[in-house]
Each structure stands twice: as structure tokens, then as C-alpha cells.
Amino acid sequence: MANRQSKAGTIGGVVFLLFMFVMIWVIFKAVSGIFWILSVIAPIMLIFALFMNHTVVTDYVRWLFKLLKEDTGKGLLFTLGTFIGYPLVAAYLALKAYTKRSLGSKRNPKEKDKEGDYIKYEEVQEKEEDFLDLGDLDKTPQKQAQTRDNTYDDLFS
């Protein structure tokens, strides 16, 4: 009876590998489909980003040129990544432009006083007494006499 092998282990392994292959294929198709949809609407998102806040796009292009000038290898890598992943870059720029515009409009500008740029303030009078007045520390700490009962010193002898 000990020599009997279970065929369920072999079949189970094959089923597991087939299941993993199918799951990887489904995930790949889903990601490629999303990438295709983004690539179709990428020009629209880029125009949207330019319309909402053009400085986001110009800052990104300036950052790429600065990166090319300072660190050419990294700059070429990021520029190549921008061209290959332009749908993701366009989505990122559109989202950034939208959030900058929407968050910028929700901020309340600081209200200025009617008199001008200055704000009203009240001058605080300091008290005469010094609340941190510490006494003189001329006292020297007294040393305690060391007794021979110290078991700690016995550990080292």
C-alpha cells in the first residue's frame, strides 16, 4: 500500500498551472484593454489638461528637458517612458490639471482688511517678574559613602 501513488496530485498540479495561465492571460488582456482605451482618449485628455491648467503640461516638459540636461541617462529613460506610456502620462497630466484647478477654486483667498494689507494686532504687555527665576546652584552634591555590602562590585572581583 505504501507504493501506491496518488494521481490527484499530478492532475491537481496540472489544473493549478492551467488555472494560473488562464488568470495571467485574463489580467494581461484586461490591462492591455485599459491601455488601449487610454491610448484612444489620450489626445483628448492632453487637450483637457492644456485647457484646465496649461502650466502642468509645460512644467512636465520643462522637467524632462532639465532631466536631460542634468542627468542624460535618466532623462533619456524618462523621455522614452513618456513616449511609450503616453496614455498614462496624458491621464496623469489631465488628473493633475483637474485637481489643481478644482482645489485651487475651493481655497478661500485670504481676506484683506479694509484698511490695506496690514492686519490688526494687539500689543501684549510683559509682566515685570521673571517667572523662570531659578535659585543659585552653588551646592555641590554630597557623595555617599561606599559600603562593602555592594554585591554589584563582587561580580567583578
Protein backbone atom coordinates (compact mmCIF):
# COMPACT_ATOMS: atom_id res chain seq x y z
CA MET A 1 0.00 0.00 0.00
CA ALA A 2 2.92 2.37 0.57
CA ASN A 3 3.93 2.11 -3.10
CA ARG A 4 0.59 3.47 -4.37
CA GLN A 5 0.91 6.95 -5.88
CA SER A 6 -1.89 9.44 -5.90
CA LYS A 7 -2.83 10.67 -9.36
CA ALA A 8 -4.80 13.53 -7.84
CA GLY A 9 -1.51 15.29 -7.03
CA THR A 10 -0.40 15.25 -10.65
CA ILE A 11 -3.80 16.19 -12.02
CA GLY A 12 -4.17 18.87 -9.35
CA GLY A 13 -0.80 20.37 -10.30
CA VAL A 14 -1.73 20.47 -13.99
CA VAL A 15 -5.10 22.06 -13.18
CA PHE A 16 -3.37 24.61 -10.96
CA LEU A 17 -0.86 25.52 -13.69
CA LEU A 18 -3.66 25.78 -16.25
CA PHE A 19 -5.66 27.99 -13.87
CA MET A 20 -2.62 30.25 -13.28
CA PHE A 21 -2.00 30.51 -17.03
CA VAL A 22 -5.64 31.49 -17.65
CA MET A 23 -5.56 34.08 -14.83
CA ILE A 24 -2.35 35.65 -16.16
CA TRP A 25 -3.87 35.76 -19.65
CA VAL A 26 -7.07 37.41 -18.33
CA ILE A 27 -5.09 40.01 -16.36
CA PHE A 28 -2.90 40.72 -19.40
CA LYS A 29 -5.94 41.18 -21.63
CA ALA A 30 -7.62 43.46 -19.06
CA VAL A 31 -4.53 45.67 -18.70
CA SER A 32 -3.96 45.82 -22.45
CA GLY A 33 -7.62 46.73 -22.95
CA ILE A 34 -7.39 49.55 -20.43
CA PHE A 35 -4.17 50.73 -22.08
CA TRP A 36 -5.88 50.67 -25.49
CA ILE A 37 -8.83 52.69 -24.19
CA LEU A 38 -6.44 55.20 -22.62
CA SER A 39 -4.46 55.44 -25.87
CA VAL A 40 -7.65 56.27 -27.78
CA ILE A 41 -8.67 59.07 -25.41
CA ALA A 42 -5.10 60.27 -24.63
CA PRO A 43 -5.17 63.21 -27.10
CA ILE A 44 -8.48 64.35 -25.62
CA MET A 45 -7.05 64.13 -22.09
CA LEU A 46 -3.97 66.08 -23.16
CA ILE A 47 -6.13 68.84 -24.66
CA PHE A 48 -8.23 68.76 -21.48
CA ALA A 49 -5.07 69.19 -19.40
CA LEU A 50 -3.94 72.10 -21.56
CA PHE A 51 -7.37 73.71 -21.27
CA MET A 52 -7.70 73.23 -17.50
CA ASN A 53 -4.19 74.27 -16.48
CA HIS A 54 -1.56 74.60 -19.18
CA THR A 55 1.25 75.07 -16.66
CA VAL A 56 1.00 71.42 -15.66
CA VAL A 57 1.97 70.28 -19.17
CA THR A 58 4.65 72.93 -19.63
CA ASP A 59 6.14 72.13 -16.21
CA TYR A 60 6.30 68.44 -17.15
CA VAL A 61 8.08 69.22 -20.45
CA ARG A 62 10.48 71.59 -18.64
CA TRP A 63 11.16 68.86 -16.07
CA LEU A 64 12.01 66.42 -18.87
CA PHE A 65 14.41 68.92 -20.51
CA LYS A 66 16.01 69.71 -17.15
CA LEU A 67 16.44 65.99 -16.50
CA LEU A 68 18.02 65.54 -19.95
CA LYS A 69 20.45 68.35 -19.23
CA GLU A 70 21.41 67.31 -15.67
CA ASP A 71 21.30 63.50 -15.90
CA THR A 72 21.22 62.43 -19.52
CA GLY A 73 20.75 58.73 -18.89
CA LYS A 74 17.80 59.17 -16.59
CA GLY A 75 16.41 61.90 -18.85
CA LEU A 76 16.51 59.63 -21.90
CA LEU A 77 14.89 56.83 -19.91
CA PHE A 78 12.07 59.08 -18.70
CA THR A 79 11.59 60.60 -22.17
CA LEU A 80 11.38 57.12 -23.70
CA GLY A 81 8.93 56.14 -20.98
CA THR A 82 6.86 59.22 -21.77
CA PHE A 83 6.61 58.24 -25.44
CA ILE A 84 5.89 54.57 -24.75
CA GLY A 85 3.44 55.25 -21.95
CA TYR A 86 1.87 58.41 -23.37
CA PRO A 87 -1.68 57.30 -22.46
CA LEU A 88 -0.67 57.02 -18.81
CA VAL A 89 1.23 60.32 -18.94
CA ALA A 90 -1.75 62.07 -20.56
CA ALA A 91 -4.10 60.66 -17.92
CA TYR A 92 -1.71 61.75 -15.16
CA LEU A 93 -1.39 65.28 -16.57
CA ALA A 94 -5.15 65.60 -17.05
CA LEU A 95 -5.83 64.42 -13.50
CA LYS A 96 -3.18 66.75 -12.10
CA ALA A 97 -4.54 69.74 -14.05
CA TYR A 98 -8.09 68.95 -12.95
CA THR A 99 -7.15 68.62 -9.28
CA LYS A 100 -5.07 71.80 -9.34
CA ARG A 101 -7.97 73.70 -10.84
CA SER A 102 -10.66 72.21 -8.61
CA LEU A 103 -8.63 72.51 -5.41
CA GLY A 104 -7.49 75.99 -6.38
CA SER A 105 -11.07 77.20 -6.76
CA LYS A 106 -12.13 75.78 -3.40
CA ARG A 107 -9.45 77.62 -1.48
CA ASN A 108 -10.68 80.81 0.08
CA PRO A 109 -8.40 83.72 -0.68
CA LYS A 110 -7.19 85.44 2.44
CA GLU A 111 -9.47 88.31 3.21
CA LYS A 112 -7.63 91.56 3.48
CA ASP A 113 -8.62 94.17 5.98
CA LYS A 114 -10.48 97.19 4.76
CA GLU A 115 -7.54 99.45 5.60
CA GLY A 116 -4.99 97.63 3.44
CA ASP A 117 -2.53 94.79 3.64
CA TYR A 118 -1.87 95.16 7.35
CA ILE A 119 -3.73 93.10 9.89
CA LYS A 120 -4.94 94.29 13.27
CA TYR A 121 -2.92 93.17 16.24
CA GLU A 122 -2.88 93.73 19.93
CA GLU A 123 0.32 94.52 21.74
CA VAL A 124 0.87 92.26 24.74
CA GLN A 125 2.44 93.75 27.85
CA GLU A 126 5.05 91.61 29.54
CA LYS A 127 4.94 91.12 33.28
CA GLU A 128 7.81 92.57 35.28
CA GLU A 129 8.59 89.49 37.33
CA ASP A 130 10.66 86.75 35.84
CA PHE A 131 8.71 83.53 36.16
CA LEU A 132 11.80 81.47 35.32
CA ASP A 133 13.85 82.82 38.21
CA LEU A 134 15.88 79.87 39.40
CA GLY A 135 17.92 79.91 42.52
CA ASP A 136 21.71 79.70 42.56
CA LEU A 137 23.08 76.22 42.22
CA ASP A 138 26.23 76.62 44.31
CA LYS A 139 25.58 73.48 46.25
CA THR A 140 27.81 70.56 45.40
CA PRO A 141 26.23 67.14 45.54
CA GLN A 142 27.31 65.08 48.52
CA LYS A 143 28.95 61.78 47.77
CA GLN A 144 27.58 58.79 49.52
CA ALA A 145 29.97 56.63 51.39
CA GLN A 146 30.53 53.35 49.61
CA THR A 147 29.92 50.31 51.72
CA ARG A 148 31.46 46.90 51.24
CA ASP A 149 28.00 45.30 51.10
CA ASN A 150 27.76 46.15 47.43
CA THR A 151 27.02 42.89 45.64
CA TYR A 152 27.48 44.54 42.27
CA ASP A 153 31.19 45.12 42.94
CA ASP A 154 31.51 41.49 43.96
CA LEU A 155 30.61 40.44 40.43
CA PHE A 156 33.83 41.94 39.07
CA SER A 157 36.26 40.64 41.64
